[in-house]
Amino acid sequence: MNEISRYVPITKAKNDLLELIRQVERVDESVAVTKNGVPAAVILSMEKYAGLLEMLEILSDEDTAKSLRTSIRQARKGKWLRTDQVFRR
Protein backbone atom coordinates (compact mmCIF):
# COMPACT_ATOMS: atom_id res chain seq x y z
CA MET A 1 0.00 0.00 0.00
CA ASN A 2 1.26 3.44 -0.76
CA GLU A 3 2.38 5.81 1.94
CA ILE A 4 0.39 8.84 3.04
CA SER A 5 0.50 11.33 0.17
CA ARG A 6 0.08 14.44 2.29
CA TYR A 7 -0.96 15.82 5.64
CA VAL A 8 -3.78 18.32 6.09
CA PRO A 9 -4.69 20.15 9.32
CA ILE A 10 -8.17 19.30 10.55
CA THR A 11 -9.40 22.89 10.16
CA LYS A 12 -8.36 22.96 6.50
CA ALA A 13 -9.89 19.51 5.96
CA LYS A 14 -13.16 20.70 7.46
CA ASN A 15 -13.24 23.84 5.33
CA ASP A 16 -12.20 22.07 2.11
CA LEU A 17 -13.78 18.64 2.66
CA LEU A 18 -15.63 18.41 -0.67
CA GLU A 19 -12.53 19.35 -2.68
CA LEU A 20 -10.36 17.05 -0.57
CA ILE A 21 -12.69 14.12 -1.28
CA ARG A 22 -12.66 14.92 -5.00
CA GLN A 23 -8.85 14.96 -5.02
CA VAL A 24 -8.62 11.66 -3.13
CA GLU A 25 -10.97 10.04 -5.65
CA ARG A 26 -9.28 11.59 -8.70
CA VAL A 27 -5.64 11.02 -7.75
CA ASP A 28 -6.23 7.90 -5.60
CA GLU A 29 -4.10 9.22 -2.77
CA SER A 30 -4.24 8.81 0.98
CA VAL A 31 -4.46 11.99 3.05
CA ALA A 32 -3.78 12.14 6.78
CA VAL A 33 -5.80 14.66 8.73
CA THR A 34 -3.83 16.13 11.60
CA LYS A 35 -5.03 17.48 14.92
CA ASN A 36 -2.50 19.70 16.70
CA GLY A 37 0.11 18.53 14.20
CA VAL A 38 -0.43 14.82 14.95
CA PRO A 39 -2.08 12.48 12.41
CA ALA A 40 -5.56 11.64 13.72
CA ALA A 41 -7.37 10.10 10.73
CA VAL A 42 -6.85 9.06 7.14
CA ILE A 43 -9.01 9.80 4.12
CA LEU A 44 -8.70 7.34 1.25
CA SER A 45 -10.70 6.37 -1.81
CA MET A 46 -13.31 3.62 -1.60
CA GLU A 47 -11.19 1.61 -4.04
CA LYS A 48 -8.19 1.79 -1.72
CA TYR A 49 -10.37 1.02 1.29
CA ALA A 50 -11.88 -2.04 -0.41
CA GLY A 51 -8.39 -3.22 -1.37
CA LEU A 52 -7.23 -2.80 2.21
CA LEU A 53 -10.14 -4.86 3.52
CA GLU A 54 -9.47 -7.55 0.93
CA MET A 55 -5.81 -7.70 1.92
CA LEU A 56 -6.73 -7.99 5.60
CA GLU A 57 -9.10 -10.83 4.77
CA ILE A 58 -6.41 -12.65 2.77
CA LEU A 59 -3.78 -12.19 5.46
CA SER A 60 -6.15 -13.30 8.21
CA ASP A 61 -6.23 -16.77 6.60
CA GLU A 62 -3.29 -18.56 8.23
CA ASP A 63 -2.62 -20.94 5.32
CA THR A 64 -2.69 -18.16 2.76
CA ALA A 65 -0.42 -15.94 4.85
CA LYS A 66 2.06 -18.81 5.29
CA SER A 67 2.06 -19.47 1.55
CA LEU A 68 2.66 -15.77 0.82
CA ARG A 69 5.57 -15.63 3.28
CA THR A 70 7.11 -18.71 1.64
CA SER A 71 6.70 -17.17 -1.81
CA ILE A 72 8.30 -13.91 -0.70
CA ARG A 73 11.29 -15.77 0.77
CA GLN A 74 11.71 -17.76 -2.44
CA ALA A 75 11.46 -14.62 -4.58
CA ARG A 76 14.13 -12.89 -2.49
CA LYS A 77 16.41 -15.86 -3.14
CA GLY A 78 15.74 -15.56 -6.87
CA LYS A 79 13.71 -18.77 -7.07
CA TRP A 80 11.23 -17.95 -9.80
CA LEU A 81 9.02 -20.21 -11.90
CA ARG A 82 8.09 -19.58 -15.50
CA THR A 83 4.40 -18.96 -16.17
CA ASP A 84 4.05 -22.28 -18.00
CA GLN A 85 5.40 -24.07 -14.90
CA VAL A 86 2.72 -22.52 -12.73
CA PHE A 87 -0.22 -22.60 -15.15
CA ARG A 88 0.02 -25.92 -16.94
CA ARG A 89 -2.58 -26.60 -19.57
C-alpha atoms as a PDB file:
ATOM      1  CA  MET A   1       0.000   0.000   0.000  1.00  0.00           C
ATOM      2  CA  ASN A   2       1.262   3.435  -0.759  1.00  0.00           C
ATOM      3  CA  GLU A   3       2.383   5.814   1.939  1.00  0.00           C
ATOM      4  CA  ILE A   4       0.390   8.838   3.044  1.00  0.00           C
ATOM      5  CA  SER A   5       0.497  11.334   0.170  1.00  0.00           C
ATOM      6  CA  ARG A   6       0.078  14.441   2.285  1.00  0.00           C
ATOM      7  CA  TYR A   7      -0.959  15.817   5.641  1.00  0.00           C
ATOM      8  CA  VAL A   8      -3.780  18.321   6.088  1.00  0.00           C
ATOM      9  CA  PRO A   9      -4.685  20.145   9.318  1.00  0.00           C
ATOM     10  CA  ILE A  10      -8.173  19.298  10.547  1.00  0.00           C
ATOM     11  CA  THR A  11      -9.399  22.894  10.157  1.00  0.00           C
ATOM     12  CA  LYS A  12      -8.360  22.963   6.499  1.00  0.00           C
ATOM     13  CA  ALA A  13      -9.886  19.510   5.960  1.00  0.00           C
ATOM     14  CA  LYS A  14     -13.161  20.703   7.464  1.00  0.00           C
ATOM     15  CA  ASN A  15     -13.245  23.844   5.332  1.00  0.00           C
ATOM     16  CA  ASP A  16     -12.205  22.070   2.115  1.00  0.00           C
ATOM     17  CA  LEU A  17     -13.776  18.644   2.657  1.00  0.00           C
ATOM     18  CA  LEU A  18     -15.632  18.410  -0.674  1.00  0.00           C
ATOM     19  CA  GLU A  19     -12.526  19.346  -2.683  1.00  0.00           C
ATOM     20  CA  LEU A  20     -10.362  17.053  -0.565  1.00  0.00           C
ATOM     21  CA  ILE A  21     -12.691  14.123  -1.283  1.00  0.00           C
ATOM     22  CA  ARG A  22     -12.659  14.917  -5.000  1.00  0.00           C
ATOM     23  CA  GLN A  23      -8.851  14.956  -5.021  1.00  0.00           C
ATOM     24  CA  VAL A  24      -8.623  11.662  -3.132  1.00  0.00           C
ATOM     25  CA  GLU A  25     -10.965  10.039  -5.654  1.00  0.00           C
ATOM     26  CA  ARG A  26      -9.282  11.586  -8.697  1.00  0.00           C
ATOM     27  CA  VAL A  27      -5.644  11.021  -7.749  1.00  0.00           C
ATOM     28  CA  ASP A  28      -6.235   7.895  -5.602  1.00  0.00           C
ATOM     29  CA  GLU A  29      -4.105   9.221  -2.775  1.00  0.00           C
ATOM     30  CA  SER A  30      -4.236   8.813   0.984  1.00  0.00           C
ATOM     31  CA  VAL A  31      -4.457  11.989   3.052  1.00  0.00           C
ATOM     32  CA  ALA A  32      -3.778  12.139   6.778  1.00  0.00           C
ATOM     33  CA  VAL A  33      -5.803  14.658   8.726  1.00  0.00           C
ATOM     34  CA  THR A  34      -3.831  16.132  11.603  1.00  0.00           C
ATOM     35  CA  LYS A  35      -5.027  17.477  14.919  1.00  0.00           C
ATOM     36  CA  ASN A  36      -2.501  19.702  16.700  1.00  0.00           C
ATOM     37  CA  GLY A  37       0.114  18.530  14.202  1.00  0.00           C
ATOM     38  CA  VAL A  38      -0.426  14.825  14.951  1.00  0.00           C
ATOM     39  CA  PRO A  39      -2.082  12.484  12.408  1.00  0.00           C
ATOM     40  CA  ALA A  40      -5.564  11.639  13.725  1.00  0.00           C
ATOM     41  CA  ALA A  41      -7.369  10.100  10.734  1.00  0.00           C
ATOM     42  CA  VAL A  42      -6.847   9.063   7.143  1.00  0.00           C
ATOM     43  CA  ILE A  43      -9.010   9.803   4.120  1.00  0.00           C
ATOM     44  CA  LEU A  44      -8.702   7.344   1.253  1.00  0.00           C
ATOM     45  CA  SER A  45     -10.705   6.372  -1.809  1.00  0.00           C
ATOM     46  CA  MET A  46     -13.313   3.618  -1.597  1.00  0.00           C
ATOM     47  CA  GLU A  47     -11.193   1.609  -4.044  1.00  0.00           C
ATOM     48  CA  LYS A  48      -8.189   1.793  -1.717  1.00  0.00           C
ATOM     49  CA  TYR A  49     -10.367   1.015   1.291  1.00  0.00           C
ATOM     50  CA  ALA A  50     -11.879  -2.041  -0.414  1.00  0.00           C
ATOM     51  CA  GLY A  51      -8.387  -3.223  -1.368  1.00  0.00           C
ATOM     52  CA  LEU A  52      -7.226  -2.805   2.206  1.00  0.00           C
ATOM     53  CA  LEU A  53     -10.144  -4.860   3.525  1.00  0.00           C
ATOM     54  CA  GLU A  54      -9.475  -7.553   0.925  1.00  0.00           C
ATOM     55  CA  MET A  55      -5.809  -7.697   1.916  1.00  0.00           C
ATOM     56  CA  LEU A  56      -6.730  -7.992   5.596  1.00  0.00           C
ATOM     57  CA  GLU A  57      -9.100 -10.830   4.775  1.00  0.00           C
ATOM     58  CA  ILE A  58      -6.410 -12.650   2.768  1.00  0.00           C
ATOM     59  CA  LEU A  59      -3.776 -12.190   5.460  1.00  0.00           C
ATOM     60  CA  SER A  60      -6.145 -13.303   8.212  1.00  0.00           C
ATOM     61  CA  ASP A  61      -6.228 -16.768   6.603  1.00  0.00           C
ATOM     62  CA  GLU A  62      -3.291 -18.563   8.231  1.00  0.00           C
ATOM     63  CA  ASP A  63      -2.616 -20.941   5.324  1.00  0.00           C
ATOM     64  CA  THR A  64      -2.686 -18.156   2.756  1.00  0.00           C
ATOM     65  CA  ALA A  65      -0.417 -15.935   4.848  1.00  0.00           C
ATOM     66  CA  LYS A  66       2.055 -18.811   5.294  1.00  0.00           C
ATOM     67  CA  SER A  67       2.057 -19.467   1.546  1.00  0.00           C
ATOM     68  CA  LEU A  68       2.661 -15.773   0.822  1.00  0.00           C
ATOM     69  CA  ARG A  69       5.572 -15.634   3.279  1.00  0.00           C
ATOM     70  CA  THR A  70       7.112 -18.708   1.643  1.00  0.00           C
ATOM     71  CA  SER A  71       6.704 -17.166  -1.813  1.00  0.00           C
ATOM     72  CA  ILE A  72       8.305 -13.912  -0.695  1.00  0.00           C
ATOM     73  CA  ARG A  73      11.295 -15.770   0.774  1.00  0.00           C
ATOM     74  CA  GLN A  74      11.710 -17.758  -2.443  1.00  0.00           C
ATOM     75  CA  ALA A  75      11.460 -14.624  -4.583  1.00  0.00           C
ATOM     76  CA  ARG A  76      14.130 -12.889  -2.491  1.00  0.00           C
ATOM     77  CA  LYS A  77      16.411 -15.863  -3.143  1.00  0.00           C
ATOM     78  CA  GLY A  78      15.738 -15.561  -6.873  1.00  0.00           C
ATOM     79  CA  LYS A  79      13.713 -18.767  -7.069  1.00  0.00           C
ATOM     80  CA  TRP A  80      11.231 -17.946  -9.803  1.00  0.00           C
ATOM     81  CA  LEU A  81       9.021 -20.209 -11.897  1.00  0.00           C
ATOM     82  CA  ARG A  82       8.086 -19.578 -15.497  1.00  0.00           C
ATOM     83  CA  THR A  83       4.404 -18.956 -16.169  1.00  0.00           C
ATOM     84  CA  ASP A  84       4.051 -22.282 -17.998  1.00  0.00           C
ATOM     85  CA  GLN A  85       5.398 -24.075 -14.901  1.00  0.00           C
ATOM     86  CA  VAL A  86       2.718 -22.520 -12.733  1.00  0.00           C
ATOM     87  CA  PHE A  87      -0.222 -22.595 -15.146  1.00  0.00           C
ATOM     88  CA  ARG A  88       0.016 -25.921 -16.941  1.00  0.00           C
ATOM     89  CA  ARG A  89      -2.584 -26.602 -19.574  1.00  0.00           C
END
